[in-house]
Amino acid sequence: KELPEKDKEIPMFVATTNDMCYGASVICTYDFFKQAARKIGGSYYVLPSSIHEILLVKENPDMLPNNFQQLVGMVNYETERLTDNAYHYDARKDLLETATEYEARLEKERETKKDHSRRQSSSRNPEREEPQEEEELER
């Protein structure tokens, strides 16, 4: 279900069971992640807040995955904690990974794009090699 209007600074959904008892188990439901992606409208973060519920937050380019890792620490109840990790579900790749792994994958993709761009620009404008000067034989 969606959180009340006053809590919509960051749009979040709560995933749980009807009786909210051991509700984090909904992640074991067949096709849960794909269904949630359709409801939320794309990729999202999974923030386990207790064994009774998990929070789902639509991916936001303004927030770094590391921020969600810190948020899990804030929303976790001291007792009945499920995990200290935040997760990311990539709807296009149907991939669930920790927020830390997702951040590393994004960084690797950025570096690959930069390298590819550099290679393309250097193949279009190859640098001229300077003629090598002959070594002086003064010894």
N, C-alpha and C. Protein backbone atom coordinates (compact mmCIF):
# COMPACT_ATOMS: atom_id res chain seq x y z
N LYS A 1 0.85 -1.19 0.00
CA LYS A 1 0.00 0.00 0.00
C LYS A 1 0.88 1.23 0.00
N GLU A 2 0.35 2.33 -0.47
CA GLU A 2 1.11 3.58 -0.54
C GLU A 2 1.04 4.27 0.82
N LEU A 3 2.11 4.99 1.16
CA LEU A 3 2.14 5.71 2.43
C LEU A 3 1.21 6.92 2.36
N PRO A 4 0.76 7.42 3.52
CA PRO A 4 -0.11 8.60 3.54
C PRO A 4 0.56 9.81 2.88
N GLU A 5 -0.26 10.76 2.43
CA GLU A 5 0.20 11.94 1.70
C GLU A 5 1.29 12.71 2.45
N LYS A 6 1.20 12.83 3.77
CA LYS A 6 2.17 13.62 4.53
C LYS A 6 3.57 13.01 4.48
N ASP A 7 3.68 11.70 4.20
CA ASP A 7 4.98 11.03 4.17
C ASP A 7 5.53 10.91 2.75
N LYS A 8 5.07 11.73 1.82
CA LYS A 8 5.44 11.57 0.42
C LYS A 8 6.62 12.42 -0.02
N GLU A 9 7.48 12.84 0.89
CA GLU A 9 8.68 13.54 0.46
C GLU A 9 9.45 12.65 -0.50
N ILE A 10 9.61 11.39 -0.13
CA ILE A 10 10.15 10.36 -1.01
C ILE A 10 9.02 9.35 -1.15
N PRO A 11 8.45 9.18 -2.36
CA PRO A 11 7.35 8.23 -2.51
C PRO A 11 7.79 6.82 -2.11
N MET A 12 7.10 6.24 -1.16
CA MET A 12 7.41 4.90 -0.67
C MET A 12 6.17 4.04 -0.65
N PHE A 13 6.39 2.76 -0.81
CA PHE A 13 5.32 1.78 -0.68
C PHE A 13 5.72 0.83 0.43
N VAL A 14 4.73 0.34 1.16
CA VAL A 14 4.97 -0.65 2.20
C VAL A 14 4.51 -1.99 1.66
N ALA A 15 5.38 -2.97 1.69
CA ALA A 15 5.02 -4.33 1.28
C ALA A 15 4.95 -5.19 2.53
N THR A 16 3.81 -5.84 2.73
CA THR A 16 3.60 -6.67 3.90
C THR A 16 2.45 -7.63 3.62
N THR A 17 2.12 -8.43 4.58
CA THR A 17 0.97 -9.34 4.46
C THR A 17 -0.28 -8.62 4.96
N ASN A 18 -1.45 -9.23 4.73
CA ASN A 18 -2.71 -8.61 5.16
C ASN A 18 -2.73 -8.32 6.66
N ASP A 19 -2.21 -9.22 7.46
CA ASP A 19 -2.24 -9.02 8.91
C ASP A 19 -0.97 -8.34 9.44
N MET A 20 -0.06 -7.97 8.53
CA MET A 20 1.20 -7.30 8.86
C MET A 20 2.08 -8.11 9.81
N CYS A 21 1.88 -9.40 9.82
CA CYS A 21 2.69 -10.29 10.67
C CYS A 21 3.65 -11.06 9.77
N TYR A 22 4.93 -10.92 10.03
CA TYR A 22 5.97 -11.52 9.20
C TYR A 22 5.79 -11.14 7.72
N GLY A 23 5.44 -9.90 7.52
CA GLY A 23 5.12 -9.40 6.18
C GLY A 23 6.29 -9.29 5.22
N ALA A 24 7.52 -9.27 5.73
CA ALA A 24 8.66 -9.20 4.83
C ALA A 24 8.75 -10.45 3.96
N SER A 25 8.01 -11.48 4.35
CA SER A 25 8.01 -12.72 3.57
C SER A 25 7.37 -12.54 2.19
N VAL A 26 6.73 -11.41 1.94
CA VAL A 26 6.13 -11.18 0.62
C VAL A 26 7.17 -11.21 -0.48
N ILE A 27 8.44 -10.96 -0.15
CA ILE A 27 9.48 -10.99 -1.17
C ILE A 27 9.69 -12.40 -1.72
N CYS A 28 9.17 -13.40 -1.02
CA CYS A 28 9.26 -14.79 -1.50
C CYS A 28 8.10 -15.15 -2.42
N THR A 29 7.13 -14.27 -2.54
CA THR A 29 5.97 -14.52 -3.39
C THR A 29 6.42 -14.54 -4.85
N TYR A 30 5.90 -15.52 -5.59
CA TYR A 30 6.25 -15.63 -7.01
C TYR A 30 5.98 -14.31 -7.71
N ASP A 31 6.93 -13.83 -8.46
CA ASP A 31 6.82 -12.63 -9.29
C ASP A 31 6.64 -11.33 -8.49
N PHE A 32 6.95 -11.35 -7.19
CA PHE A 32 6.76 -10.15 -6.37
C PHE A 32 7.50 -8.95 -6.95
N PHE A 33 8.78 -9.12 -7.28
CA PHE A 33 9.59 -7.99 -7.73
C PHE A 33 9.08 -7.42 -9.04
N LYS A 34 8.66 -8.27 -9.96
CA LYS A 34 8.13 -7.79 -11.25
C LYS A 34 6.80 -7.08 -11.04
N GLN A 35 5.94 -7.62 -10.19
CA GLN A 35 4.64 -6.98 -9.93
C GLN A 35 4.84 -5.62 -9.28
N ALA A 36 5.76 -5.55 -8.34
CA ALA A 36 6.05 -4.28 -7.66
C ALA A 36 6.60 -3.26 -8.67
N ALA A 37 7.44 -3.71 -9.60
CA ALA A 37 8.00 -2.80 -10.61
C ALA A 37 6.88 -2.22 -11.47
N ARG A 38 5.89 -3.03 -11.80
CA ARG A 38 4.76 -2.52 -12.59
C ARG A 38 3.97 -1.50 -11.78
N LYS A 39 3.73 -1.79 -10.50
CA LYS A 39 2.95 -0.89 -9.64
C LYS A 39 3.70 0.44 -9.41
N ILE A 40 5.00 0.34 -9.16
CA ILE A 40 5.81 1.52 -8.86
C ILE A 40 6.16 2.29 -10.13
N GLY A 41 6.28 1.58 -11.23
CA GLY A 41 6.60 2.23 -12.50
C GLY A 41 8.06 2.16 -12.87
N GLY A 42 8.72 1.06 -12.54
CA GLY A 42 10.12 0.90 -12.92
C GLY A 42 10.96 0.35 -11.80
N SER A 43 12.24 0.60 -11.89
CA SER A 43 13.20 0.11 -10.90
C SER A 43 12.99 0.80 -9.56
N TYR A 44 13.40 0.12 -8.49
CA TYR A 44 13.16 0.64 -7.15
C TYR A 44 14.15 0.05 -6.15
N TYR A 45 14.19 0.66 -4.98
CA TYR A 45 15.01 0.18 -3.88
C TYR A 45 14.13 -0.60 -2.90
N VAL A 46 14.71 -1.63 -2.31
CA VAL A 46 14.03 -2.45 -1.32
C VAL A 46 14.71 -2.16 0.02
N LEU A 47 13.94 -1.61 0.96
CA LEU A 47 14.47 -1.24 2.27
C LEU A 47 13.81 -2.09 3.34
N PRO A 48 14.44 -3.18 3.76
CA PRO A 48 13.85 -4.01 4.81
C PRO A 48 13.84 -3.23 6.12
N SER A 49 12.64 -3.00 6.67
CA SER A 49 12.55 -2.23 7.91
C SER A 49 12.33 -3.13 9.12
N SER A 50 11.78 -4.32 8.91
CA SER A 50 11.63 -5.30 9.99
C SER A 50 11.21 -6.62 9.36
N ILE A 51 11.00 -7.62 10.17
CA ILE A 51 10.52 -8.90 9.63
C ILE A 51 9.06 -8.79 9.22
N HIS A 52 8.41 -7.68 9.59
CA HIS A 52 6.98 -7.51 9.32
C HIS A 52 6.65 -6.70 8.07
N GLU A 53 7.64 -5.96 7.54
CA GLU A 53 7.37 -5.15 6.35
C GLU A 53 8.67 -4.75 5.67
N ILE A 54 8.54 -4.41 4.41
CA ILE A 54 9.66 -3.82 3.68
C ILE A 54 9.14 -2.57 2.98
N LEU A 55 10.02 -1.61 2.81
CA LEU A 55 9.66 -0.38 2.12
C LEU A 55 10.22 -0.44 0.70
N LEU A 56 9.45 0.02 -0.25
CA LEU A 56 9.88 0.07 -1.65
C LEU A 56 9.89 1.53 -2.08
N VAL A 57 11.02 1.97 -2.63
CA VAL A 57 11.19 3.37 -3.02
C VAL A 57 11.60 3.41 -4.49
N LYS A 58 10.81 4.13 -5.29
CA LYS A 58 11.12 4.24 -6.72
C LYS A 58 12.51 4.83 -6.90
N GLU A 59 13.23 4.27 -7.85
CA GLU A 59 14.57 4.76 -8.16
C GLU A 59 14.52 6.24 -8.49
N ASN A 60 15.43 6.99 -7.91
CA ASN A 60 15.47 8.43 -8.08
C ASN A 60 16.91 8.83 -8.41
N PRO A 61 17.16 9.40 -9.57
CA PRO A 61 18.54 9.74 -9.94
C PRO A 61 19.19 10.76 -9.01
N ASP A 62 18.39 11.49 -8.23
CA ASP A 62 18.94 12.48 -7.31
C ASP A 62 19.48 11.86 -6.03
N MET A 63 19.13 10.60 -5.78
CA MET A 63 19.59 9.94 -4.56
C MET A 63 20.59 8.85 -4.90
N LEU A 64 21.69 8.83 -4.18
CA LEU A 64 22.71 7.82 -4.39
C LEU A 64 22.32 6.53 -3.67
N PRO A 65 22.68 5.38 -4.24
CA PRO A 65 22.37 4.11 -3.57
C PRO A 65 22.88 4.06 -2.13
N ASN A 66 24.00 4.70 -1.88
CA ASN A 66 24.56 4.71 -0.54
C ASN A 66 23.61 5.38 0.47
N ASN A 67 22.84 6.37 0.01
CA ASN A 67 21.88 7.04 0.89
C ASN A 67 20.83 6.05 1.39
N PHE A 68 20.43 5.12 0.51
CA PHE A 68 19.43 4.14 0.91
C PHE A 68 20.00 3.15 1.92
N GLN A 69 21.28 2.84 1.77
CA GLN A 69 21.94 1.96 2.74
C GLN A 69 21.87 2.60 4.13
N GLN A 70 22.11 3.90 4.21
CA GLN A 70 22.04 4.61 5.48
C GLN A 70 20.60 4.67 5.99
N LEU A 71 19.65 4.82 5.07
CA LEU A 71 18.25 4.89 5.45
C LEU A 71 17.78 3.60 6.10
N VAL A 72 18.27 2.46 5.61
CA VAL A 72 17.89 1.18 6.21
C VAL A 72 18.30 1.15 7.68
N GLY A 73 19.48 1.66 7.97
CA GLY A 73 19.92 1.71 9.36
C GLY A 73 19.01 2.57 10.21
N MET A 74 18.44 3.63 9.62
CA MET A 74 17.55 4.52 10.38
C MET A 74 16.17 3.91 10.58
N VAL A 75 15.64 3.19 9.58
CA VAL A 75 14.28 2.68 9.68
C VAL A 75 14.20 1.31 10.35
N ASN A 76 15.34 0.63 10.46
CA ASN A 76 15.33 -0.69 11.10
C ASN A 76 14.96 -0.57 12.57
N TYR A 77 14.07 -1.42 12.98
CA TYR A 77 13.76 -1.51 14.40
C TYR A 77 14.88 -2.30 15.06
N GLU A 78 15.18 -1.96 16.30
CA GLU A 78 16.27 -2.66 16.98
C GLU A 78 15.99 -4.15 17.12
N THR A 79 14.77 -4.48 17.44
CA THR A 79 14.42 -5.90 17.52
C THR A 79 13.70 -6.29 16.24
N GLU A 80 13.71 -7.50 15.91
CA GLU A 80 13.04 -8.03 14.73
C GLU A 80 13.58 -7.44 13.44
N ARG A 81 14.86 -7.14 13.46
CA ARG A 81 15.51 -6.59 12.26
C ARG A 81 15.74 -7.73 11.27
N LEU A 82 15.48 -7.46 10.00
CA LEU A 82 15.64 -8.46 8.95
C LEU A 82 17.07 -8.45 8.40
N THR A 83 17.58 -7.27 8.07
CA THR A 83 18.93 -7.12 7.52
C THR A 83 19.36 -5.66 7.65
N ASP A 84 20.64 -5.43 7.51
CA ASP A 84 21.16 -4.06 7.52
C ASP A 84 21.41 -3.55 6.11
N ASN A 85 21.10 -4.35 5.10
CA ASN A 85 21.36 -3.97 3.71
C ASN A 85 20.14 -3.36 3.05
N ALA A 86 20.41 -2.40 2.17
CA ALA A 86 19.39 -1.90 1.24
C ALA A 86 19.64 -2.63 -0.07
N TYR A 87 18.60 -2.82 -0.84
CA TYR A 87 18.70 -3.55 -2.10
C TYR A 87 18.14 -2.70 -3.23
N HIS A 88 18.50 -3.05 -4.45
CA HIS A 88 17.98 -2.37 -5.62
C HIS A 88 17.46 -3.43 -6.58
N TYR A 89 16.25 -3.21 -7.09
CA TYR A 89 15.70 -4.09 -8.11
C TYR A 89 15.71 -3.35 -9.43
N ASP A 90 16.43 -3.89 -10.41
CA ASP A 90 16.51 -3.31 -11.74
C ASP A 90 15.44 -3.98 -12.60
N ALA A 91 14.39 -3.24 -12.91
CA ALA A 91 13.25 -3.79 -13.64
C ALA A 91 13.63 -4.23 -15.05
N ARG A 92 14.52 -3.49 -15.70
CA ARG A 92 14.91 -3.86 -17.07
C ARG A 92 15.70 -5.16 -17.10
N LYS A 93 16.56 -5.35 -16.12
CA LYS A 93 17.42 -6.54 -16.10
C LYS A 93 16.85 -7.66 -15.25
N ASP A 94 15.74 -7.39 -14.54
CA ASP A 94 15.15 -8.35 -13.60
C ASP A 94 16.24 -8.85 -12.65
N LEU A 95 16.89 -7.89 -11.99
CA LEU A 95 18.05 -8.17 -11.17
C LEU A 95 17.90 -7.52 -9.79
N LEU A 96 18.05 -8.33 -8.75
CA LEU A 96 18.05 -7.83 -7.38
C LEU A 96 19.47 -7.89 -6.87
N GLU A 97 19.96 -6.76 -6.35
CA GLU A 97 21.32 -6.70 -5.82
C GLU A 97 21.36 -5.72 -4.66
N THR A 98 22.41 -5.79 -3.85
CA THR A 98 22.50 -4.83 -2.76
C THR A 98 22.72 -3.44 -3.35
N ALA A 99 22.37 -2.42 -2.59
CA ALA A 99 22.56 -1.05 -3.05
C ALA A 99 24.04 -0.78 -3.31
N THR A 100 24.91 -1.38 -2.51
CA THR A 100 26.35 -1.22 -2.69
C THR A 100 26.80 -1.85 -4.01
N GLU A 101 26.28 -3.05 -4.32
CA GLU A 101 26.62 -3.69 -5.59
C GLU A 101 26.09 -2.87 -6.77
N TYR A 102 24.89 -2.32 -6.60
CA TYR A 102 24.30 -1.50 -7.66
C TYR A 102 25.15 -0.25 -7.90
N GLU A 103 25.58 0.39 -6.83
CA GLU A 103 26.41 1.59 -6.97
C GLU A 103 27.71 1.25 -7.69
N ALA A 104 28.32 0.11 -7.36
CA ALA A 104 29.56 -0.31 -8.02
C ALA A 104 29.30 -0.60 -9.50
N ARG A 105 28.16 -1.21 -9.81
CA ARG A 105 27.82 -1.50 -11.21
C ARG A 105 27.61 -0.20 -11.99
N LEU A 106 26.93 0.78 -11.39
CA LEU A 106 26.74 2.07 -12.05
C LEU A 106 28.08 2.75 -12.33
N GLU A 107 28.97 2.72 -11.36
CA GLU A 107 30.28 3.34 -11.53
C GLU A 107 31.05 2.65 -12.65
N LYS A 108 30.99 1.33 -12.70
CA LYS A 108 31.68 0.58 -13.74
C LYS A 108 31.10 0.93 -15.12
N GLU A 109 29.76 1.04 -15.20
CA GLU A 109 29.11 1.41 -16.46
C GLU A 109 29.51 2.81 -16.90
N ARG A 110 29.61 3.74 -15.94
CA ARG A 110 30.04 5.11 -16.27
C ARG A 110 31.46 5.12 -16.82
N GLU A 111 32.35 4.35 -16.18
CA GLU A 111 33.73 4.28 -16.63
C GLU A 111 33.82 3.66 -18.02
N THR A 112 33.03 2.63 -18.26
CA THR A 112 33.02 1.98 -19.57
C THR A 112 32.54 2.95 -20.64
N LYS A 113 31.50 3.75 -20.32
CA LYS A 113 31.01 4.75 -21.28
C LYS A 113 32.09 5.79 -21.57
N LYS A 114 32.78 6.24 -20.51
CA LYS A 114 33.85 7.24 -20.70
C LYS A 114 34.95 6.68 -21.60
N ASP A 115 35.37 5.43 -21.31
CA ASP A 115 36.42 4.81 -22.12
C ASP A 115 35.98 4.67 -23.57
N HIS A 116 34.74 4.27 -23.76
CA HIS A 116 34.20 4.10 -25.11
C HIS A 116 34.17 5.45 -25.85
N SER A 117 33.73 6.49 -25.16
CA SER A 117 33.69 7.83 -25.76
C SER A 117 35.09 8.30 -26.12
N ARG A 118 36.05 8.06 -25.23
CA ARG A 118 37.42 8.47 -25.50
C ARG A 118 37.98 7.75 -26.72
N ARG A 119 37.70 6.44 -26.79
CA ARG A 119 38.19 5.67 -27.93
C ARG A 119 37.57 6.14 -29.23
N GLN A 120 36.27 6.46 -29.20
CA GLN A 120 35.60 6.94 -30.41
C GLN A 120 36.17 8.29 -30.84
N SER A 121 36.36 9.19 -29.89
CA SER A 121 36.88 10.51 -30.26
C SER A 121 38.33 10.42 -30.73
N SER A 122 39.12 9.52 -30.17
CA SER A 122 40.50 9.40 -30.62
C SER A 122 40.59 8.73 -31.99
N SER A 123 39.64 7.86 -32.31
CA SER A 123 39.66 7.25 -33.64
C SER A 123 39.20 8.24 -34.71
N ARG A 124 38.37 9.19 -34.34
CA ARG A 124 37.95 10.23 -35.28
C ARG A 124 39.03 11.26 -35.50
N ASN A 125 39.74 11.61 -34.43
CA ASN A 125 40.79 12.62 -34.48
C ASN A 125 42.09 12.03 -33.94
N PRO A 126 42.71 11.17 -34.69
CA PRO A 126 43.94 10.58 -34.15
C PRO A 126 45.00 11.65 -33.93
N GLU A 127 45.65 11.53 -32.80
CA GLU A 127 46.69 12.51 -32.48
C GLU A 127 47.89 12.26 -33.40
N ARG A 128 48.46 13.34 -33.84
CA ARG A 128 49.66 13.20 -34.67
C ARG A 128 50.83 12.90 -33.77
N GLU A 129 51.58 11.95 -34.20
CA GLU A 129 52.76 11.63 -33.42
C GLU A 129 53.87 12.61 -33.80
N GLU A 130 54.55 13.11 -32.80
CA GLU A 130 55.67 14.01 -33.03
C GLU A 130 56.84 13.18 -33.53
N PRO A 131 57.56 13.68 -34.50
CA PRO A 131 58.74 12.93 -34.94
C PRO A 131 59.73 12.84 -33.79
N GLN A 132 60.26 11.67 -33.63
CA GLN A 132 61.21 11.48 -32.54
C GLN A 132 62.55 12.09 -32.93
N GLU A 133 63.10 12.81 -32.00
CA GLU A 133 64.40 13.43 -32.25
C GLU A 133 65.46 12.35 -32.14
N GLU A 134 66.46 12.52 -32.96
CA GLU A 134 67.56 11.56 -32.89
C GLU A 134 68.34 11.84 -31.62
N GLU A 135 68.74 10.75 -31.03
CA GLU A 135 69.53 10.92 -29.81
C GLU A 135 70.89 11.52 -30.16
N GLU A 136 71.30 12.40 -29.31
CA GLU A 136 72.63 12.98 -29.53
C GLU A 136 73.67 12.00 -29.04
N LEU A 137 74.71 11.89 -29.76
CA LEU A 137 75.75 10.94 -29.41
C LEU A 137 76.91 11.62 -28.71
N GLU A 138 76.59 12.47 -27.78
CA GLU A 138 77.65 13.16 -27.06
C GLU A 138 77.90 12.44 -25.77
N ARG A 139 78.94 11.75 -25.73
CA ARG A 139 79.30 11.06 -24.50
C ARG A 139 80.75 11.14 -24.27
